[in-house]
Amino acid sequence: MEARAILKDARIAPRKVQIVLDLIRGKDYDVAMATLKHTPKAACEYLEKLLKSAAANAENNHSMDKNNLYVAECFVSPGRTLKRIMPRAQGRAFRILKRTSHVTLVLKEKE
């Protein structure tokens, strides 16, 4: 039995999210939540909310015990890229890529 939460089109680059996901992969729910609260990365805000959502899904939809949950799986994939133009010298234009992320978080119950 597993509980899953998915965040689509988060306005943060996948590279930045991946760093934080590596910190919480395989950890208990409480440890993962504490890690996210005390890590000064921009991705933590998104992931904390996602972790709470996955825990709520586990509790309400699958009647799992919140105290026995752990982060079984978590991964990020690139979402659509917003393309913007930055004016440069002599009438040129440079393209700025504003990357987005799709984040998936899976919680399972310890045996």
C-alpha atoms as a PDB file:
ATOM      1  CA  MET A   1       0.000   0.000   0.000  1.00  0.00           C
ATOM      2  CA  GLU A   2       1.367   3.408  -0.904  1.00  0.00           C
ATOM      3  CA  ALA A   3       0.231   7.021  -0.778  1.00  0.00           C
ATOM      4  CA  ARG A   4       1.294   9.381  -3.527  1.00  0.00           C
ATOM      5  CA  ALA A   5       1.284  13.142  -4.018  1.00  0.00           C
ATOM      6  CA  ILE A   6       2.239  14.937  -7.225  1.00  0.00           C
ATOM      7  CA  LEU A   7       3.153  18.577  -7.750  1.00  0.00           C
ATOM      8  CA  LYS A   8       3.080  19.782 -11.334  1.00  0.00           C
ATOM      9  CA  ASP A   9       4.614  22.896 -12.883  1.00  0.00           C
ATOM     10  CA  ALA A  10       6.371  24.162  -9.758  1.00  0.00           C
ATOM     11  CA  ARG A  11       8.297  27.333 -10.698  1.00  0.00           C
ATOM     12  CA  ILE A  12      11.687  26.017  -9.605  1.00  0.00           C
ATOM     13  CA  ALA A  13      14.394  24.279 -11.621  1.00  0.00           C
ATOM     14  CA  PRO A  14      14.578  20.474 -11.257  1.00  0.00           C
ATOM     15  CA  ARG A  15      18.287  20.635 -10.313  1.00  0.00           C
ATOM     16  CA  LYS A  16      17.441  22.652  -7.199  1.00  0.00           C
ATOM     17  CA  VAL A  17      14.657  20.263  -6.168  1.00  0.00           C
ATOM     18  CA  GLN A  18      16.819  17.169  -6.694  1.00  0.00           C
ATOM     19  CA  ILE A  19      19.335  18.339  -4.063  1.00  0.00           C
ATOM     20  CA  VAL A  20      16.648  18.451  -1.369  1.00  0.00           C
ATOM     21  CA  LEU A  21      14.958  15.207  -2.473  1.00  0.00           C
ATOM     22  CA  ASP A  22      18.249  13.370  -1.974  1.00  0.00           C
ATOM     23  CA  LEU A  23      18.206  14.537   1.665  1.00  0.00           C
ATOM     24  CA  ILE A  24      14.790  13.035   2.507  1.00  0.00           C
ATOM     25  CA  ARG A  25      14.719   9.848   0.386  1.00  0.00           C
ATOM     26  CA  GLY A  26      14.241   6.779   2.603  1.00  0.00           C
ATOM     27  CA  LYS A  27      13.695   8.789   5.810  1.00  0.00           C
ATOM     28  CA  ASP A  28      10.769   8.506   8.238  1.00  0.00           C
ATOM     29  CA  TYR A  29       7.954  11.043   7.863  1.00  0.00           C
ATOM     30  CA  ASP A  30       8.891  12.975  11.021  1.00  0.00           C
ATOM     31  CA  VAL A  31      12.603  13.074  10.172  1.00  0.00           C
ATOM     32  CA  ALA A  32      11.868  14.157   6.590  1.00  0.00           C
ATOM     33  CA  MET A  33       9.550  16.927   7.799  1.00  0.00           C
ATOM     34  CA  ALA A  34      12.151  18.185  10.288  1.00  0.00           C
ATOM     35  CA  THR A  35      14.832  18.113   7.580  1.00  0.00           C
ATOM     36  CA  LEU A  36      12.654  20.181   5.246  1.00  0.00           C
ATOM     37  CA  LYS A  37      11.799  22.702   7.981  1.00  0.00           C
ATOM     38  CA  HIS A  38      15.462  23.338   8.846  1.00  0.00           C
ATOM     39  CA  THR A  39      17.091  23.276   5.400  1.00  0.00           C
ATOM     40  CA  PRO A  40      17.539  26.754   3.869  1.00  0.00           C
ATOM     41  CA  LYS A  41      16.670  25.871   0.260  1.00  0.00           C
ATOM     42  CA  ALA A  42      13.884  27.332  -1.881  1.00  0.00           C
ATOM     43  CA  ALA A  43      12.621  23.851  -2.810  1.00  0.00           C
ATOM     44  CA  CYS A  44      11.869  23.002   0.841  1.00  0.00           C
ATOM     45  CA  GLU A  45       8.754  25.158   0.837  1.00  0.00           C
ATOM     46  CA  TYR A  46       7.247  23.192  -2.059  1.00  0.00           C
ATOM     47  CA  LEU A  47       8.350  19.806  -0.722  1.00  0.00           C
ATOM     48  CA  GLU A  48       7.085  20.407   2.813  1.00  0.00           C
ATOM     49  CA  LYS A  49       3.615  21.092   1.462  1.00  0.00           C
ATOM     50  CA  LEU A  50       3.844  18.042  -0.826  1.00  0.00           C
ATOM     51  CA  LEU A  51       4.946  15.783   2.043  1.00  0.00           C
ATOM     52  CA  LYS A  52       2.001  16.945   4.172  1.00  0.00           C
ATOM     53  CA  SER A  53      -0.333  16.244   1.260  1.00  0.00           C
ATOM     54  CA  ALA A  54       1.041  12.715   0.782  1.00  0.00           C
ATOM     55  CA  ALA A  55       0.654  12.034   4.518  1.00  0.00           C
ATOM     56  CA  ALA A  56      -2.945  13.270   4.423  1.00  0.00           C
ATOM     57  CA  ASN A  57      -3.612  11.012   1.424  1.00  0.00           C
ATOM     58  CA  ALA A  58      -2.140   8.063   3.332  1.00  0.00           C
ATOM     59  CA  GLU A  59      -4.244   8.760   6.411  1.00  0.00           C
ATOM     60  CA  ASN A  60      -7.563   9.590   4.770  1.00  0.00           C
ATOM     61  CA  ASN A  61      -7.607   7.529   1.566  1.00  0.00           C
ATOM     62  CA  HIS A  62      -5.636   4.437   2.576  1.00  0.00           C
ATOM     63  CA  SER A  63      -6.155   4.477   6.389  1.00  0.00           C
ATOM     64  CA  MET A  64      -2.427   4.156   7.070  1.00  0.00           C
ATOM     65  CA  ASP A  65      -0.833   5.097  10.408  1.00  0.00           C
ATOM     66  CA  LYS A  66       0.979   8.457  10.164  1.00  0.00           C
ATOM     67  CA  ASN A  67       3.637   7.362  12.694  1.00  0.00           C
ATOM     68  CA  ASN A  68       4.772   4.420  10.520  1.00  0.00           C
ATOM     69  CA  LEU A  69       5.189   6.294   7.235  1.00  0.00           C
ATOM     70  CA  TYR A  70       8.473   6.753   5.398  1.00  0.00           C
ATOM     71  CA  VAL A  71       9.490   8.347   2.095  1.00  0.00           C
ATOM     72  CA  ALA A  72       9.732   5.277  -0.143  1.00  0.00           C
ATOM     73  CA  GLU A  73      10.218   7.077  -3.426  1.00  0.00           C
ATOM     74  CA  CYS A  74      10.679  10.671  -4.550  1.00  0.00           C
ATOM     75  CA  PHE A  75      11.745  12.046  -7.878  1.00  0.00           C
ATOM     76  CA  VAL A  76      11.585  15.171 -10.006  1.00  0.00           C
ATOM     77  CA  SER A  77      11.233  15.524 -13.750  1.00  0.00           C
ATOM     78  CA  PRO A  78      11.422  18.685 -15.845  1.00  0.00           C
ATOM     79  CA  GLY A  79       8.138  20.392 -16.652  1.00  0.00           C
ATOM     80  CA  ARG A  80       7.512  22.869 -19.426  1.00  0.00           C
ATOM     81  CA  THR A  81      10.053  25.649 -19.856  1.00  0.00           C
ATOM     82  CA  LEU A  82       8.894  29.256 -20.021  1.00  0.00           C
ATOM     83  CA  LYS A  83      10.892  31.194 -22.578  1.00  0.00           C
ATOM     84  CA  ARG A  84      11.549  34.871 -21.954  1.00  0.00           C
ATOM     85  CA  ILE A  85      13.612  37.497 -23.778  1.00  0.00           C
ATOM     86  CA  MET A  86      16.276  39.698 -22.170  1.00  0.00           C
ATOM     87  CA  PRO A  87      17.345  42.773 -24.189  1.00  0.00           C
ATOM     88  CA  ARG A  88      21.109  42.988 -24.665  1.00  0.00           C
ATOM     89  CA  ALA A  89      23.586  45.389 -26.215  1.00  0.00           C
ATOM     90  CA  GLN A  90      23.348  46.603 -29.825  1.00  0.00           C
ATOM     91  CA  GLY A  91      19.744  45.488 -30.325  1.00  0.00           C
ATOM     92  CA  ARG A  92      20.370  41.828 -29.620  1.00  0.00           C
ATOM     93  CA  ALA A  93      18.091  39.635 -27.518  1.00  0.00           C
ATOM     94  CA  PHE A  94      19.100  36.719 -25.285  1.00  0.00           C
ATOM     95  CA  ARG A  95      16.692  33.992 -24.313  1.00  0.00           C
ATOM     96  CA  ILE A  96      16.081  33.238 -20.641  1.00  0.00           C
ATOM     97  CA  LEU A  97      14.735  29.779 -19.788  1.00  0.00           C
ATOM     98  CA  LYS A  98      12.526  29.706 -16.709  1.00  0.00           C
ATOM     99  CA  ARG A  99      12.378  26.024 -15.842  1.00  0.00           C
ATOM    100  CA  THR A 100       9.543  24.222 -14.056  1.00  0.00           C
ATOM    101  CA  SER A 101       9.392  20.878 -12.246  1.00  0.00           C
ATOM    102  CA  HIS A 102       7.023  17.959 -11.767  1.00  0.00           C
ATOM    103  CA  VAL A 103       7.684  16.411  -8.340  1.00  0.00           C
ATOM    104  CA  THR A 104       6.347  13.023  -7.204  1.00  0.00           C
ATOM    105  CA  LEU A 105       6.518  11.804  -3.609  1.00  0.00           C
ATOM    106  CA  VAL A 106       5.488   8.302  -2.470  1.00  0.00           C
ATOM    107  CA  LEU A 107       4.975   7.311   1.167  1.00  0.00           C
ATOM    108  CA  LYS A 108       4.763   3.712   2.359  1.00  0.00           C
ATOM    109  CA  GLU A 109       4.056   2.141   5.729  1.00  0.00           C
ATOM    110  CA  LYS A 110       6.779   0.282   7.622  1.00  0.00           C
ATOM    111  CA  GLU A 111       6.118  -3.422   8.118  1.00  0.00           C
END
